[in-house]
Amino acid sequence: MKKIFLSLFALCAATSLWAFQSGLLYYNILAGASTVVVTFETIDNYNYSDLKAVTIPETVTYKDKIYTVVAIGYKAFANYPSYSSIPDAVDNVTLKLINIPKTVKNIHPYAFYRCSALTTVNFLGDGLENIGDYAFHGCKALTSFVFPQTL
């Protein structure tokens, strides 16, 4: 088990840098690139529990460098720590609207897991190429979802 954990940690460290905040959201910088992924707020807190509506920007600036937002990360808006198991999750009952820009190519698994109040997902362009497993599982208030043509 320890070897698996260390291997996963090394893989994560090799592919992205730790999170920084820009506006209301947190991001990981992808290694060797000018791109970022939206990530969870902290590993020991309910993620974005105060946000009702989110518009993910196409770019963010950190330390005078501009980064393109290309993904919504694993468990980004789900309400459970990154190290806990799925049964430990509780519903995110505040997030109702998400606007996703054309620069986002991937929505990772469990990104919006159990965002039970989420009613609207708007894709602002045709950039999305992949939606991971269970990305919108438990989003029981979601009434419509128009897939971009690039998907």
Protein backbone atom coordinates (compact mmCIF):
# COMPACT_ATOMS: atom_id res chain seq x y z
CA MET A 1 0.00 0.00 0.00
CA LYS A 2 2.81 2.38 0.90
CA LYS A 3 4.50 1.76 -2.48
CA ILE A 4 1.23 2.48 -4.32
CA PHE A 5 0.76 5.74 -2.43
CA LEU A 6 4.33 6.86 -3.08
CA SER A 7 4.02 5.97 -6.77
CA LEU A 8 0.80 7.97 -7.10
CA PHE A 9 2.36 10.88 -5.24
CA ALA A 10 5.40 10.84 -7.56
CA LEU A 11 3.14 10.72 -10.63
CA CYS A 12 1.09 13.69 -9.42
CA ALA A 13 4.23 15.65 -8.55
CA ALA A 14 5.68 14.96 -11.97
CA THR A 15 2.60 16.12 -13.86
CA SER A 16 1.57 19.23 -11.95
CA LEU A 17 2.71 21.77 -9.39
CA TRP A 18 0.85 22.61 -6.21
CA ALA A 19 -2.22 24.79 -6.30
CA PHE A 20 -2.44 28.55 -6.43
CA GLN A 21 -5.52 30.71 -6.11
CA SER A 22 -6.75 33.18 -8.71
CA GLY A 23 -10.09 34.82 -8.02
CA LEU A 24 -12.39 32.31 -6.37
CA LEU A 25 -10.80 29.17 -7.84
CA TYR A 26 -7.65 27.12 -7.30
CA TYR A 27 -5.40 25.78 -10.05
CA ASN A 28 -2.55 23.33 -10.57
CA ILE A 29 0.10 24.22 -13.14
CA LEU A 30 0.74 21.37 -15.55
CA ALA A 31 4.45 20.55 -15.68
CA GLY A 32 6.38 21.97 -18.60
CA ALA A 33 3.41 23.91 -19.92
CA SER A 34 1.61 27.21 -19.77
CA THR A 35 -1.60 25.45 -18.86
CA VAL A 36 -3.51 24.82 -15.66
CA VAL A 37 -6.26 22.61 -14.34
CA VAL A 38 -8.98 23.76 -11.91
CA THR A 39 -8.42 21.86 -8.68
CA PHE A 40 -10.02 21.43 -5.28
CA GLU A 41 -9.78 24.10 -2.64
CA THR A 42 -7.93 22.07 0.01
CA ILE A 43 -7.48 18.40 0.79
CA ASP A 44 -9.17 18.66 4.17
CA ASN A 45 -12.13 20.91 3.52
CA TYR A 46 -15.42 20.99 1.69
CA ASN A 47 -14.63 22.28 -1.77
CA TYR A 48 -16.10 25.57 -2.88
CA SER A 49 -18.98 25.16 -0.45
CA ASP A 50 -19.88 28.86 -0.64
CA LEU A 51 -20.06 29.22 -4.42
CA LYS A 52 -23.45 29.30 -6.13
CA ALA A 53 -22.31 30.10 -9.65
CA VAL A 54 -18.92 29.74 -11.29
CA THR A 55 -17.56 31.01 -14.57
CA ILE A 56 -14.23 29.36 -15.23
CA PRO A 57 -11.96 31.81 -17.05
CA GLU A 58 -10.08 30.95 -20.24
CA THR A 59 -6.82 32.21 -18.72
CA VAL A 60 -5.42 33.04 -15.29
CA THR A 61 -2.31 34.97 -14.25
CA TYR A 62 0.09 33.76 -11.59
CA LYS A 63 3.44 35.39 -10.81
CA ASP A 64 3.18 37.56 -13.92
CA LYS A 65 2.69 34.56 -16.21
CA ILE A 66 -0.53 33.86 -18.13
CA TYR A 67 -1.84 30.27 -18.08
CA THR A 68 -4.59 28.74 -20.21
CA VAL A 69 -7.23 26.76 -18.28
CA VAL A 70 -7.46 23.39 -20.07
CA ALA A 71 -9.20 21.06 -17.59
CA ILE A 72 -11.42 20.69 -14.55
CA GLY A 73 -9.57 18.37 -12.24
CA TYR A 74 -10.30 15.16 -10.40
CA LYS A 75 -12.78 15.86 -7.56
CA ALA A 76 -12.47 19.62 -8.16
CA PHE A 77 -15.97 20.57 -6.98
CA ALA A 78 -16.83 17.40 -5.04
CA ASN A 79 -17.15 17.77 -1.28
CA TYR A 80 -14.62 15.39 0.11
CA PRO A 81 -10.90 15.40 0.68
CA SER A 82 -8.68 14.09 -2.10
CA TYR A 83 -7.41 11.24 0.05
CA SER A 84 -10.80 9.95 1.22
CA SER A 85 -12.99 7.35 -0.36
CA ILE A 86 -16.17 7.96 -2.35
CA PRO A 87 -18.55 7.05 0.54
CA ASP A 88 -17.03 9.89 2.58
CA ALA A 89 -18.43 12.47 0.16
CA VAL A 90 -21.29 14.74 1.11
CA ASP A 91 -23.43 16.68 -1.32
CA ASN A 92 -22.30 20.08 -2.51
CA VAL A 93 -25.65 21.79 -2.04
CA THR A 94 -24.69 25.32 -3.09
CA LEU A 95 -23.25 25.15 -6.61
CA LYS A 96 -26.08 25.68 -9.12
CA LEU A 97 -24.43 27.04 -12.28
CA ILE A 98 -21.13 26.40 -14.03
CA ASN A 99 -19.87 28.13 -17.18
CA ILE A 100 -17.06 26.26 -18.92
CA PRO A 101 -14.91 28.07 -21.51
CA LYS A 102 -13.84 26.75 -24.90
CA THR A 103 -10.28 26.29 -23.63
CA VAL A 104 -11.32 23.42 -21.33
CA LYS A 105 -10.60 20.15 -23.15
CA ASN A 106 -11.13 17.68 -20.28
CA ILE A 107 -13.41 17.27 -17.31
CA HIS A 108 -11.75 14.71 -15.07
CA PRO A 109 -13.51 11.90 -13.17
CA TYR A 110 -15.64 12.95 -10.19
CA ALA A 111 -15.14 16.67 -11.00
CA PHE A 112 -18.72 17.57 -10.00
CA TYR A 113 -19.51 14.41 -8.05
CA ARG A 114 -22.62 14.89 -5.88
CA CYS A 115 -23.10 18.55 -6.73
CA SER A 116 -26.76 17.90 -6.02
CA ALA A 117 -27.94 21.50 -6.54
CA LEU A 118 -26.24 21.90 -9.94
CA THR A 119 -28.95 22.74 -12.45
CA THR A 120 -27.07 24.32 -15.36
CA VAL A 121 -23.83 23.53 -17.18
CA ASN A 122 -22.98 25.94 -19.99
CA PHE A 123 -20.23 25.20 -22.49
CA LEU A 124 -19.00 28.49 -23.90
CA GLY A 125 -17.65 27.11 -27.15
CA ASP A 126 -16.74 23.78 -28.66
CA GLY A 127 -13.46 22.88 -27.00
CA LEU A 128 -14.45 19.99 -24.74
CA GLU A 129 -13.09 16.60 -25.84
CA ASN A 130 -13.52 14.31 -22.83
CA ILE A 131 -15.73 13.88 -19.76
CA GLY A 132 -14.33 11.43 -17.21
CA ASP A 133 -16.23 8.70 -15.39
CA TYR A 134 -18.73 9.86 -12.77
CA ALA A 135 -17.91 13.53 -13.49
CA PHE A 136 -21.57 14.49 -12.98
CA HIS A 137 -22.72 11.52 -10.89
CA GLY A 138 -25.23 12.56 -8.23
CA CYS A 139 -26.07 15.86 -9.93
CA LYS A 140 -29.76 15.16 -9.44
CA ALA A 141 -30.95 18.72 -10.11
CA LEU A 142 -29.28 18.89 -13.53
CA THR A 143 -32.15 19.48 -15.92
CA SER A 144 -30.37 19.94 -19.23
CA PHE A 145 -26.95 19.31 -20.60
CA VAL A 146 -26.08 20.25 -24.16
CA PHE A 147 -22.95 18.43 -25.27
CA PRO A 148 -20.49 20.41 -27.40
CA GLN A 149 -19.99 19.11 -30.93
CA THR A 150 -16.31 18.43 -30.21
CA LEU A 151 -17.20 15.78 -27.66
